[in-house]
PDB file of all heavy atoms in Angstrom:
ATOM      1  N   SER A   1       0.828  -1.194   0.000  1.00  0.00           N
ATOM      2  CA  SER A   1      -0.001   0.001  -0.001  1.00  0.00           C
ATOM      3  C   SER A   1       0.862   1.245  -0.001  1.00  0.00           C
ATOM      4  O   SER A   1       2.053   1.193   0.295  1.00  0.00           O
ATOM      5  CB  SER A   1      -0.922  -0.003   1.226  1.00  0.00           C
ATOM      6  OG  SER A   1      -0.137  -0.032   2.402  1.00  0.00           O
ATOM      7  N   ALA A   2       0.253   2.385  -0.304  1.00  0.00           N
ATOM      8  CA  ALA A   2       0.994   3.647  -0.350  1.00  0.00           C
ATOM      9  C   ALA A   2       1.570   3.955   1.021  1.00  0.00           C
ATOM     10  O   ALA A   2       0.905   3.837   2.030  1.00  0.00           O
ATOM     11  CB  ALA A   2       0.068   4.774  -0.797  1.00  0.00           C
ATOM     12  N   GLY A   3       2.842   4.367   1.058  1.00  0.00           N
ATOM     13  CA  GLY A   3       3.496   4.721   2.326  1.00  0.00           C
ATOM     14  C   GLY A   3       4.356   3.618   2.881  1.00  0.00           C
ATOM     15  O   GLY A   3       5.238   3.866   3.683  1.00  0.00           O
ATOM     16  N   SER A   4       4.112   2.348   2.508  1.00  0.00           N
ATOM     17  CA  SER A   4       4.954   1.269   3.001  1.00  0.00           C
ATOM     18  C   SER A   4       6.095   1.064   2.018  1.00  0.00           C
ATOM     19  O   SER A   4       5.968   1.333   0.833  1.00  0.00           O
ATOM     20  CB  SER A   4       4.146  -0.022   3.145  1.00  0.00           C
ATOM     21  OG  SER A   4       3.690  -0.451   1.877  1.00  0.00           O
ATOM     22  N   SER A   5       7.246   0.561   2.545  1.00  0.00           N
ATOM     23  CA  SER A   5       8.406   0.417   1.663  1.00  0.00           C
ATOM     24  C   SER A   5       9.215  -0.828   1.979  1.00  0.00           C
ATOM     25  O   SER A   5      10.405  -0.748   2.225  1.00  0.00           O
ATOM     26  CB  SER A   5       9.308   1.654   1.769  1.00  0.00           C
ATOM     27  OG  SER A   5       9.696   1.851   3.120  1.00  0.00           O
ATOM     28  N   PRO A   6       8.573  -2.016   2.034  1.00  0.00           N
ATOM     29  CA  PRO A   6       9.369  -3.223   2.273  1.00  0.00           C
ATOM     30  C   PRO A   6      10.280  -3.508   1.095  1.00  0.00           C
ATOM     31  O   PRO A   6       9.858  -3.525  -0.058  1.00  0.00           O
ATOM     32  CB  PRO A   6       8.304  -4.311   2.429  1.00  0.00           C
ATOM     33  CG  PRO A   6       7.109  -3.806   1.681  1.00  0.00           C
ATOM     34  CD  PRO A   6       7.146  -2.311   1.834  1.00  0.00           C
ATOM     35  N   GLY A   7      11.571  -3.724   1.379  1.00  0.00           N
ATOM     36  CA  GLY A   7      12.510  -4.057   0.327  1.00  0.00           C
ATOM     37  C   GLY A   7      12.957  -2.878  -0.514  1.00  0.00           C
ATOM     38  O   GLY A   7      13.667  -3.065  -1.502  1.00  0.00           O
ATOM     39  N   VAL A   8      12.560  -1.666  -0.178  1.00  0.00           N
ATOM     40  CA  VAL A   8      12.943  -0.488  -0.948  1.00  0.00           C
ATOM     41  C   VAL A   8      14.161   0.154  -0.297  1.00  0.00           C
ATOM     42  O   VAL A   8      14.150   0.465   0.892  1.00  0.00           O
ATOM     43  CB  VAL A   8      11.786   0.519  -1.033  1.00  0.00           C
ATOM     44  CG1 VAL A   8      12.224   1.767  -1.786  1.00  0.00           C
ATOM     45  CG2 VAL A   8      10.584  -0.116  -1.726  1.00  0.00           C
ATOM     46  N   ALA A   9      15.225   0.352  -1.070  1.00  0.00           N
ATOM     47  CA  ALA A   9      16.452   0.924  -0.526  1.00  0.00           C
ATOM     48  C   ALA A   9      16.246   2.392  -0.174  1.00  0.00           C
ATOM     49  O   ALA A   9      15.620   3.149  -0.917  1.00  0.00           O
ATOM     50  CB  ALA A   9      17.592   0.777  -1.534  1.00  0.00           C
ATOM     51  N   ALA A  10      16.799   2.777   0.990  1.00  0.00           N
ATOM     52  CA  ALA A  10      16.694   4.170   1.428  1.00  0.00           C
ATOM     53  C   ALA A  10      17.839   5.016   0.909  1.00  0.00           C
ATOM     54  O   ALA A  10      17.837   6.234   1.061  1.00  0.00           O
ATOM     55  CB  ALA A  10      16.656   4.227   2.957  1.00  0.00           C
ATOM     56  N   GLY A  11      18.837   4.383   0.284  1.00  0.00           N
ATOM     57  CA  GLY A  11      19.983   5.125  -0.245  1.00  0.00           C
ATOM     58  C   GLY A  11      20.761   4.261  -1.208  1.00  0.00           C
ATOM     59  O   GLY A  11      20.492   3.059  -1.360  1.00  0.00           O
ATOM     60  N   GLN A  12      21.735   4.840  -1.867  1.00  0.00           N
ATOM     61  CA  GLN A  12      22.545   4.122  -2.840  1.00  0.00           C
ATOM     62  C   GLN A  12      24.002   4.558  -2.693  1.00  0.00           C
ATOM     63  O   GLN A  12      24.293   5.747  -2.619  1.00  0.00           O
ATOM     64  CB  GLN A  12      22.064   4.403  -4.263  1.00  0.00           C
ATOM     65  CG  GLN A  12      22.888   3.734  -5.351  1.00  0.00           C
ATOM     66  CD  GLN A  12      22.314   3.967  -6.731  1.00  0.00           C
ATOM     67  OE1 GLN A  12      21.124   3.765  -6.962  1.00  0.00           O
ATOM     68  NE2 GLN A  12      23.160   4.402  -7.658  1.00  0.00           N
ATOM     69  N   ALA A  13      24.903   3.563  -2.618  1.00  0.00           N
ATOM     70  CA  ALA A  13      26.324   3.847  -2.461  1.00  0.00           C
ATOM     71  C   ALA A  13      27.111   3.130  -3.547  1.00  0.00           C
ATOM     72  O   ALA A  13      26.724   2.057  -4.015  1.00  0.00           O
ATOM     73  CB  ALA A  13      26.813   3.403  -1.086  1.00  0.00           C
ATOM     74  N   SER A  14      28.212   3.725  -3.947  1.00  0.00           N
ATOM     75  CA  SER A  14      29.117   3.153  -4.933  1.00  0.00           C
ATOM     76  C   SER A  14      30.520   3.634  -4.591  1.00  0.00           C
ATOM     77  O   SER A  14      30.683   4.554  -3.765  1.00  0.00           O
ATOM     78  CB  SER A  14      28.716   3.580  -6.350  1.00  0.00           C
ATOM     79  OG  SER A  14      28.758   4.993  -6.481  1.00  0.00           O
ATOM     80  N   PRO A  15      31.570   3.044  -5.160  1.00  0.00           N
ATOM     81  CA  PRO A  15      32.924   3.500  -4.846  1.00  0.00           C
ATOM     82  C   PRO A  15      33.079   5.002  -5.082  1.00  0.00           C
ATOM     83  O   PRO A  15      32.812   5.510  -6.163  1.00  0.00           O
ATOM     84  CB  PRO A  15      33.794   2.688  -5.811  1.00  0.00           C
ATOM     85  CG  PRO A  15      33.006   1.436  -6.040  1.00  0.00           C
ATOM     86  CD  PRO A  15      31.578   1.865  -6.048  1.00  0.00           C
ATOM     87  N   GLY A  16      33.482   5.725  -4.041  1.00  0.00           N
ATOM     88  CA  GLY A  16      33.630   7.166  -4.129  1.00  0.00           C
ATOM     89  C   GLY A  16      32.371   7.938  -3.819  1.00  0.00           C
ATOM     90  O   GLY A  16      32.418   9.171  -3.717  1.00  0.00           O
ATOM     91  N   SER A  17      31.227   7.267  -3.642  1.00  0.00           N
ATOM     92  CA  SER A  17      29.955   7.949  -3.362  1.00  0.00           C
ATOM     93  C   SER A  17      29.256   7.251  -2.199  1.00  0.00           C
ATOM     94  O   SER A  17      28.460   6.329  -2.406  1.00  0.00           O
ATOM     95  CB  SER A  17      29.045   7.961  -4.597  1.00  0.00           C
ATOM     96  OG  SER A  17      29.656   8.649  -5.665  1.00  0.00           O
ATOM     97  N   PRO A  18      29.549   7.650  -0.948  1.00  0.00           N
ATOM     98  CA  PRO A  18      28.885   7.035   0.206  1.00  0.00           C
ATOM     99  C   PRO A  18      27.428   7.470   0.295  1.00  0.00           C
ATOM    100  O   PRO A  18      27.001   8.414  -0.374  1.00  0.00           O
ATOM    101  CB  PRO A  18      29.696   7.554   1.402  1.00  0.00           C
ATOM    102  CG  PRO A  18      30.290   8.845   0.914  1.00  0.00           C
ATOM    103  CD  PRO A  18      30.546   8.665  -0.553  1.00  0.00           C
ATOM    104  N   ALA A  19      26.672   6.777   1.106  1.00  0.00           N
ATOM    105  CA  ALA A  19      25.257   7.093   1.320  1.00  0.00           C
ATOM    106  C   ALA A  19      24.990   7.185   2.808  1.00  0.00           C
ATOM    107  O   ALA A  19      25.524   6.404   3.600  1.00  0.00           O
ATOM    108  CB  ALA A  19      24.354   6.032   0.695  1.00  0.00           C
ATOM    109  N   THR A  20      24.163   8.149   3.205  1.00  0.00           N
ATOM    110  CA  THR A  20      23.740   8.302   4.602  1.00  0.00           C
ATOM    111  C   THR A  20      22.257   7.986   4.701  1.00  0.00           C
ATOM    112  O   THR A  20      21.443   8.566   3.975  1.00  0.00           O
ATOM    113  CB  THR A  20      24.006   9.725   5.110  1.00  0.00           C
ATOM    114  OG1 THR A  20      25.416  10.005   5.016  1.00  0.00           O
ATOM    115  CG2 THR A  20      23.580   9.869   6.563  1.00  0.00           C
ATOM    116  N   VAL A  21      21.900   7.058   5.584  1.00  0.00           N
ATOM    117  CA  VAL A  21      20.512   6.625   5.734  1.00  0.00           C
ATOM    118  C   VAL A  21      20.108   6.715   7.198  1.00  0.00           C
ATOM    119  O   VAL A  21      20.943   6.666   8.103  1.00  0.00           O
ATOM    120  CB  VAL A  21      20.319   5.179   5.231  1.00  0.00           C
ATOM    121  CG1 VAL A  21      20.544   5.093   3.727  1.00  0.00           C
ATOM    122  CG2 VAL A  21      21.239   4.217   5.973  1.00  0.00           C
ATOM    123  N   SER A  22      18.814   6.865   7.420  1.00  0.00           N
ATOM    124  CA  SER A  22      18.253   6.876   8.769  1.00  0.00           C
ATOM    125  C   SER A  22      17.875   5.449   9.157  1.00  0.00           C
ATOM    126  O   SER A  22      17.188   4.763   8.406  1.00  0.00           O
ATOM    127  CB  SER A  22      17.026   7.793   8.841  1.00  0.00           C
ATOM    128  OG  SER A  22      17.385   9.135   8.557  1.00  0.00           O
ATOM    129  N   VAL A  23      18.325   5.030  10.343  1.00  0.00           N
ATOM    130  CA  VAL A  23      18.039   3.687  10.837  1.00  0.00           C
ATOM    131  C   VAL A  23      17.104   3.820  12.040  1.00  0.00           C
ATOM    132  O   VAL A  23      17.464   4.440  13.034  1.00  0.00           O
ATOM    133  CB  VAL A  23      19.328   2.957  11.257  1.00  0.00           C
ATOM    134  CG1 VAL A  23      19.017   1.516  11.624  1.00  0.00           C
ATOM    135  CG2 VAL A  23      20.356   3.014  10.135  1.00  0.00           C
ATOM    136  N   PRO A  24      15.873   3.284  11.974  1.00  0.00           N
ATOM    137  CA  PRO A  24      14.937   3.428  13.094  1.00  0.00           C
ATOM    138  C   PRO A  24      15.397   2.630  14.309  1.00  0.00           C
ATOM    139  O   PRO A  24      16.200   1.691  14.183  1.00  0.00           O
ATOM    140  CB  PRO A  24      13.628   2.860  12.520  1.00  0.00           C
ATOM    141  CG  PRO A  24      14.054   1.913  11.456  1.00  0.00           C
ATOM    142  CD  PRO A  24      15.302   2.497  10.863  1.00  0.00           C
TER     143      PRO A  24
END
């Protein structure tokens, strides 16, 4: 349903490009 995000990545990282994500 709208608003839920199972399995959806909260960020994307690659060599030289880190990602910052919120962890509940």
